Protein backbone atom coordinates (compact mmCIF):
# COMPACT_ATOMS: atom_id res chain seq x y z
CA MET A 1 62.37 -236.32 263.10
CA ILE A 2 65.13 -236.11 260.52
CA VAL A 3 64.14 -236.20 256.84
CA PRO A 4 67.33 -236.84 254.83
CA TYR A 5 65.92 -235.75 251.46
CA SER A 6 64.44 -232.53 250.13
CA PRO A 7 60.78 -231.44 250.51
CA GLY A 8 58.43 -232.93 247.92
CA GLY A 9 60.29 -236.22 247.50
CA GLY A 10 59.35 -239.71 248.62
CA SER A 11 60.69 -239.35 252.17
CA ASP A 12 58.81 -236.10 252.69
CA GLN A 13 55.64 -237.66 251.32
CA GLN A 14 56.00 -240.60 253.72
CA VAL A 15 56.36 -238.27 256.71
CA ARG A 16 53.32 -236.22 255.73
CA ARG A 17 51.15 -239.33 255.39
CA LEU A 18 52.16 -240.55 258.86
CA GLN A 19 52.72 -237.39 260.88
CA ALA A 20 49.27 -236.64 262.33
CA ALA A 21 48.42 -240.25 263.20
CA LEU A 22 51.89 -240.88 264.64
CA GLU A 23 51.64 -237.75 266.78
CA ASP A 24 48.28 -238.97 268.11
CA ALA A 25 49.76 -242.37 268.95
CA LEU A 26 52.77 -240.81 270.70
CA GLY A 27 50.90 -237.98 272.42
CA VAL A 28 53.56 -235.45 271.32
CA ARG A 29 54.31 -233.23 268.34
CA LEU A 30 56.97 -234.30 265.86
CA GLN A 31 59.51 -231.63 264.99
CA ILE A 32 60.41 -232.22 261.32
CA THR A 33 63.89 -231.18 260.22
CA TYR A 34 65.33 -231.54 256.73
CA GLN A 35 69.02 -232.48 256.76
CA THR A 36 69.74 -233.16 253.12
CA GLY A 37 72.74 -233.93 250.96
CA GLY A 38 75.09 -236.78 250.18
CA ASP A 39 72.24 -239.00 248.94
CA GLY A 40 70.78 -239.10 252.45
CA SER A 41 74.10 -239.54 254.24
CA VAL A 42 74.00 -236.09 255.90
CA GLY A 43 70.71 -236.83 257.65
CA TRP A 44 71.61 -240.42 258.54
CA ASN A 45 74.99 -239.35 259.87
CA ALA A 46 73.21 -236.86 262.12
CA LEU A 47 70.99 -239.67 263.41
CA ALA A 48 74.01 -241.92 263.98
CA GLY A 49 75.43 -239.26 266.31
CA ALA A 50 72.19 -238.63 268.19
CA ALA A 51 71.59 -239.89 271.72
CA PRO A 52 69.89 -243.34 271.73
CA ASP A 53 67.10 -242.09 273.99
CA GLY A 54 64.15 -242.31 271.59
CA CYS A 55 63.91 -238.55 271.08
CA THR A 56 65.40 -238.53 267.57
CA ILE A 57 64.30 -240.69 264.64
CA ALA A 58 64.66 -240.51 260.88
CA ASN A 59 62.99 -241.99 257.91
CA VAL A 60 64.99 -244.42 255.85
CA VAL A 61 64.97 -245.49 252.21
CA ALA A 62 66.08 -248.76 250.66
CA PRO A 63 68.15 -249.46 248.66
CA ASN A 64 69.65 -245.99 249.28
CA ILE A 65 71.03 -246.59 252.76
CA MET A 66 72.28 -250.08 251.87
CA ASN A 67 74.03 -248.76 248.76
CA LEU A 68 75.81 -246.07 250.76
CA SER A 69 76.80 -248.50 253.48
CA ILE A 70 78.19 -251.07 251.03
CA THR A 71 80.08 -248.66 248.78
CA ALA A 72 81.12 -245.78 251.05
CA SER A 73 80.85 -246.73 254.74
CA GLU A 74 84.21 -245.17 255.67
CA GLU A 75 83.35 -241.84 254.04
CA ILE A 76 79.79 -241.49 255.38
CA GLY A 77 80.54 -242.31 259.02
CA PHE A 78 77.91 -244.98 259.66
CA LYS A 79 76.86 -248.50 258.73
CA ALA A 80 73.26 -249.22 257.80
CA GLU A 81 73.16 -252.35 259.95
CA ASP A 82 73.98 -250.35 263.11
CA PHE A 83 70.68 -248.44 263.15
CA GLU A 84 67.65 -249.78 264.99
CA TYR A 85 64.77 -250.38 262.58
CA ILE A 86 61.36 -249.36 263.92
CA GLY A 87 59.45 -250.60 260.89
CA TRP A 88 59.13 -250.35 257.12
CA THR A 89 55.88 -248.74 256.01
CA GLU A 90 55.69 -249.05 252.23
CA PHE A 91 57.40 -250.07 249.03
CA SER A 92 56.90 -249.50 245.34
CA PRO A 93 58.34 -250.87 242.13
CA ASN A 94 60.88 -248.61 240.52
CA ILE A 95 59.77 -247.04 237.26
CA ILE A 96 61.21 -245.27 234.29
CA GLY A 97 59.05 -242.17 234.03
CA VAL A 98 58.81 -239.46 231.37
CA ALA A 99 56.92 -236.17 231.02
CA GLN A 100 53.23 -236.41 230.22
CA ASP A 101 53.89 -234.85 226.79
CA SER A 102 57.03 -236.90 226.06
CA GLU A 103 57.55 -238.26 222.56
CA PHE A 104 58.06 -241.67 224.17
CA GLU A 105 54.56 -243.13 224.30
CA THR A 106 55.75 -246.62 225.27
CA PHE A 107 58.87 -248.32 226.60
CA GLU A 108 59.38 -249.71 223.09
CA ASP A 109 59.60 -246.12 221.81
CA TYR A 110 62.11 -245.31 224.53
CA VAL A 111 64.30 -248.33 223.71
CA ALA A 112 64.14 -247.58 219.97
CA ALA A 113 65.28 -244.00 220.54
CA ALA A 114 68.13 -245.09 222.81
CA GLU A 115 69.30 -247.68 220.30
CA ALA A 116 69.09 -245.23 217.39
CA ALA A 117 71.12 -242.55 219.19
CA PRO A 118 73.39 -244.12 221.87
CA GLY A 119 74.08 -241.78 224.76
CA GLU A 120 71.58 -239.11 223.72
CA VAL A 121 68.61 -240.22 225.84
CA THR A 122 69.06 -238.88 229.38
CA ILE A 123 67.90 -240.54 232.58
CA SER A 124 68.07 -239.12 236.09
CA GLY A 125 68.04 -240.51 239.60
CA VAL A 126 68.85 -239.49 243.15
CA GLY A 127 72.57 -239.70 243.90
CA GLN A 128 74.35 -243.02 244.29
CA ASN A 129 71.06 -244.85 244.57
CA GLY A 130 69.94 -243.50 241.21
CA GLN A 131 73.25 -244.61 239.77
CA LEU A 132 72.70 -248.09 241.22
CA LEU A 133 69.17 -248.38 239.81
CA VAL A 134 70.22 -247.09 236.39
CA GLY A 135 73.24 -249.39 236.43
CA GLU A 136 70.93 -252.35 237.05
CA VAL A 137 68.81 -251.30 234.04
CA LEU A 138 71.81 -250.74 231.76
CA ALA A 139 73.26 -254.13 232.67
CA ALA A 140 69.94 -255.84 231.93
CA THR A 141 69.05 -253.98 228.72
CA GLY A 142 72.41 -253.11 227.15
CA LEU A 143 71.13 -249.58 226.46
CA ASP A 144 73.49 -246.60 226.34
CA LEU A 145 71.76 -243.88 228.40
CA THR A 146 73.34 -240.74 229.86
CA PHE A 147 72.87 -240.54 233.62
CA VAL A 148 72.11 -237.13 235.17
CA PRO A 149 72.41 -237.31 238.99
CA PHE A 150 70.53 -235.20 241.54
CA SER A 151 71.51 -235.15 245.20
CA GLY A 152 68.44 -233.60 246.85
CA GLY A 153 65.51 -235.88 246.11
CA VAL A 154 62.80 -236.83 243.64
CA GLY A 155 61.09 -233.50 244.27
CA ASP A 156 64.02 -231.81 242.52
CA ILE A 157 63.87 -234.14 239.51
CA ILE A 158 60.16 -233.88 238.64
CA PRO A 159 60.23 -230.28 237.33
CA GLN A 160 63.35 -231.04 235.30
CA ILE A 161 61.56 -233.83 233.44
CA ALA A 162 58.25 -231.97 233.17
CA GLY A 163 60.14 -228.98 231.77
CA GLY A 164 61.87 -231.05 229.10
CA HIS A 165 65.39 -230.63 230.51
CA ILE A 166 65.82 -234.39 231.14
CA ASP A 167 64.19 -237.17 229.12
CA SER A 168 63.42 -239.58 231.96
CA ALA A 169 64.10 -240.68 235.52
CA LEU A 170 64.26 -243.95 237.40
CA SER A 171 62.76 -244.02 240.90
CA GLY A 172 59.79 -245.25 242.93
CA PHE A 173 56.16 -244.15 242.70
CA SER A 174 56.98 -240.86 244.44
CA LEU A 175 58.16 -239.76 241.00
CA LEU A 176 54.49 -239.70 239.95
CA ASP A 177 53.38 -237.25 242.65
CA GLY A 178 51.54 -234.34 241.05
CA ASP A 179 50.69 -236.20 237.82
CA GLN A 180 53.45 -234.52 235.82
CA ILE A 181 55.21 -237.81 235.05
CA ARG A 182 53.87 -241.02 233.50
CA PRO A 183 55.46 -244.48 233.80
CA LEU A 184 56.80 -246.48 230.87
CA VAL A 185 58.03 -249.64 232.60
CA LEU A 186 58.11 -251.15 236.12
CA SER A 187 60.61 -253.26 238.06
CA ALA A 188 57.74 -255.38 239.46
CA ASP A 189 54.01 -255.91 238.95
CA SER A 190 51.66 -253.25 240.29
CA ASP A 191 47.88 -253.30 240.62
CA GLU A 192 48.02 -249.51 240.22
CA PHE A 193 49.35 -249.79 236.65
CA PRO A 194 48.13 -253.10 235.20
CA ASP A 195 48.75 -251.95 231.62
CA ILE A 196 52.37 -250.86 232.17
CA PRO A 197 54.84 -253.69 231.43
CA THR A 198 57.53 -254.88 233.79
CA PHE A 199 61.10 -255.10 232.52
CA SER A 200 60.69 -258.86 232.47
CA GLU A 201 57.54 -258.62 230.35
CA ALA A 202 59.41 -256.29 228.01
CA GLY A 203 62.06 -258.98 227.56
CA TYR A 204 64.72 -257.82 230.04
CA GLU A 205 65.55 -259.98 233.05
CA GLY A 206 67.52 -258.82 236.08
CA VAL A 207 65.76 -255.55 237.05
CA THR A 208 64.30 -256.43 240.44
CA LEU A 209 65.00 -253.70 243.02
CA VAL A 210 62.09 -251.92 244.67
CA THR A 211 62.14 -248.71 246.73
CA SER A 212 61.07 -249.02 250.37
CA TRP A 213 60.56 -246.46 253.14
CA GLY A 214 60.67 -246.91 256.90
CA LEU A 215 61.64 -245.35 260.24
CA ILE A 216 64.86 -245.83 262.20
CA LEU A 217 66.46 -244.94 265.54
CA PRO A 218 70.12 -244.28 266.44
CA PRO A 219 72.49 -247.21 267.01
CA GLU A 220 72.36 -248.82 270.46
CA THR A 221 68.84 -247.62 271.19
CA PRO A 222 67.49 -249.94 273.93
CA PRO A 223 64.99 -252.61 272.80
CA GLU A 224 62.19 -251.20 274.95
CA ILE A 225 62.43 -247.85 273.16
CA VAL A 226 62.44 -249.56 269.76
CA GLU A 227 59.34 -251.47 270.83
CA PHE A 228 57.64 -248.28 272.06
CA TRP A 229 58.15 -246.63 268.67
CA ASN A 230 57.09 -249.76 266.80
CA VAL A 231 53.79 -249.96 268.71
CA ALA A 232 53.11 -246.29 267.96
CA LEU A 233 53.91 -246.81 264.28
CA GLN A 234 51.61 -249.83 264.03
CA GLN A 235 48.82 -247.84 265.69
CA ALA A 236 49.33 -245.02 263.19
CA MET A 237 49.38 -247.40 260.24
CA ALA A 238 46.08 -248.93 261.39
CA THR A 239 44.18 -245.62 261.35
CA GLN A 240 41.67 -244.93 258.61
CA GLU A 241 43.34 -241.67 257.63
CA VAL A 242 46.68 -243.35 256.99
CA GLN A 243 45.06 -246.26 255.16
CA ASP A 244 43.14 -243.81 252.98
CA ALA A 245 46.32 -241.83 252.28
CA TYR A 246 48.14 -244.95 251.15
CA ALA A 247 45.19 -246.09 249.05
CA GLU A 248 45.68 -242.98 246.92
CA THR A 249 49.39 -243.66 246.28
CA GLY A 250 49.51 -247.13 244.76
CA PHE A 251 52.22 -248.15 247.22
CA ASP A 252 52.27 -251.61 248.74
CA VAL A 253 51.82 -251.11 252.49
CA LEU A 254 53.95 -252.83 255.13
CA ASN A 255 53.10 -253.05 258.83
CA GLN A 256 55.79 -254.89 260.79
CA ASP A 257 56.98 -255.59 264.28
CA ALA A 258 60.60 -254.73 265.10
CA ALA A 259 61.92 -258.22 264.36
CA GLU A 260 60.22 -258.22 260.94
CA ALA A 261 61.67 -254.78 260.25
CA ARG A 262 65.21 -256.05 260.91
CA GLU A 263 64.60 -259.10 258.71
CA TYR A 264 63.29 -256.90 255.88
CA PHE A 265 66.40 -254.72 256.17
CA GLU A 266 68.62 -257.79 255.81
CA GLN A 267 66.68 -258.98 252.75
CA GLN A 268 67.00 -255.58 251.08
CA PHE A 269 70.70 -255.38 251.99
CA ASP A 270 71.34 -258.71 250.25
CA ALA A 271 69.30 -257.63 247.20
CA THR A 272 71.24 -254.37 246.95
CA GLN A 273 74.57 -256.17 247.17
CA ALA A 274 73.47 -258.53 244.38
CA ALA A 275 72.39 -255.59 242.20
CA LEU A 276 75.71 -253.83 242.73
CA GLU A 277 77.57 -256.94 241.66
CA ALA A 278 75.34 -257.32 238.57
CA ALA A 279 75.82 -253.68 237.61
CA GLY A 280 79.59 -253.97 237.96
């Protein structure tokens, strides 16, 4: 199983929640391999070149893979639509998060600081996807923030914020792993954080993207193999241990058949394309 982002990030967390139950459903051990870099493109390119025999899978993140496919398909060597989608397992609103001891107590504080000193407040994200998410926020708010990209994953960003090297980051709930970061604002409502405003509630329309995680197979994998993996994934998702693990995260859980997984991909692809156009 290829993980295209660094240990400690959202993709790694997804794999660790699913691994034991998925191995039980499959009756085999999963060999986890981290193939990182290029905002996920290194790992996904490796999957694109793997034999379509069901022996190699990867986890996948939206809008990351859609963003790469739309903006750089010739350079990365694959198209997102060519993969076979086993199923999406979870999604979360994107958040702007800051260190627990940050001077920014609220999103209003954050906006006031950015308006008072244009370009001085820093915000990080993972690669091109982080740039897309931040671009969506800048287009909606008119703020002048300095973007600091990281290529590895959210696990690399958390200590930079907690250590005071970067003011903030924009990502999904995986940013909150370890309780070093607290959210200021959300891209969508969340039962996990009822007191944290959405961008819309804060007066800014047009920030709508969420971060989703799933599992994929190489292009041209036969339908019966896709179905085999989908049944195993649904069995894993139905176990108490996986349900308990997700209950602790605040993620919204998805449990789809293969057709629903393809439809969800197409919806997220369209949303990503719209966000890219809005961000210019």
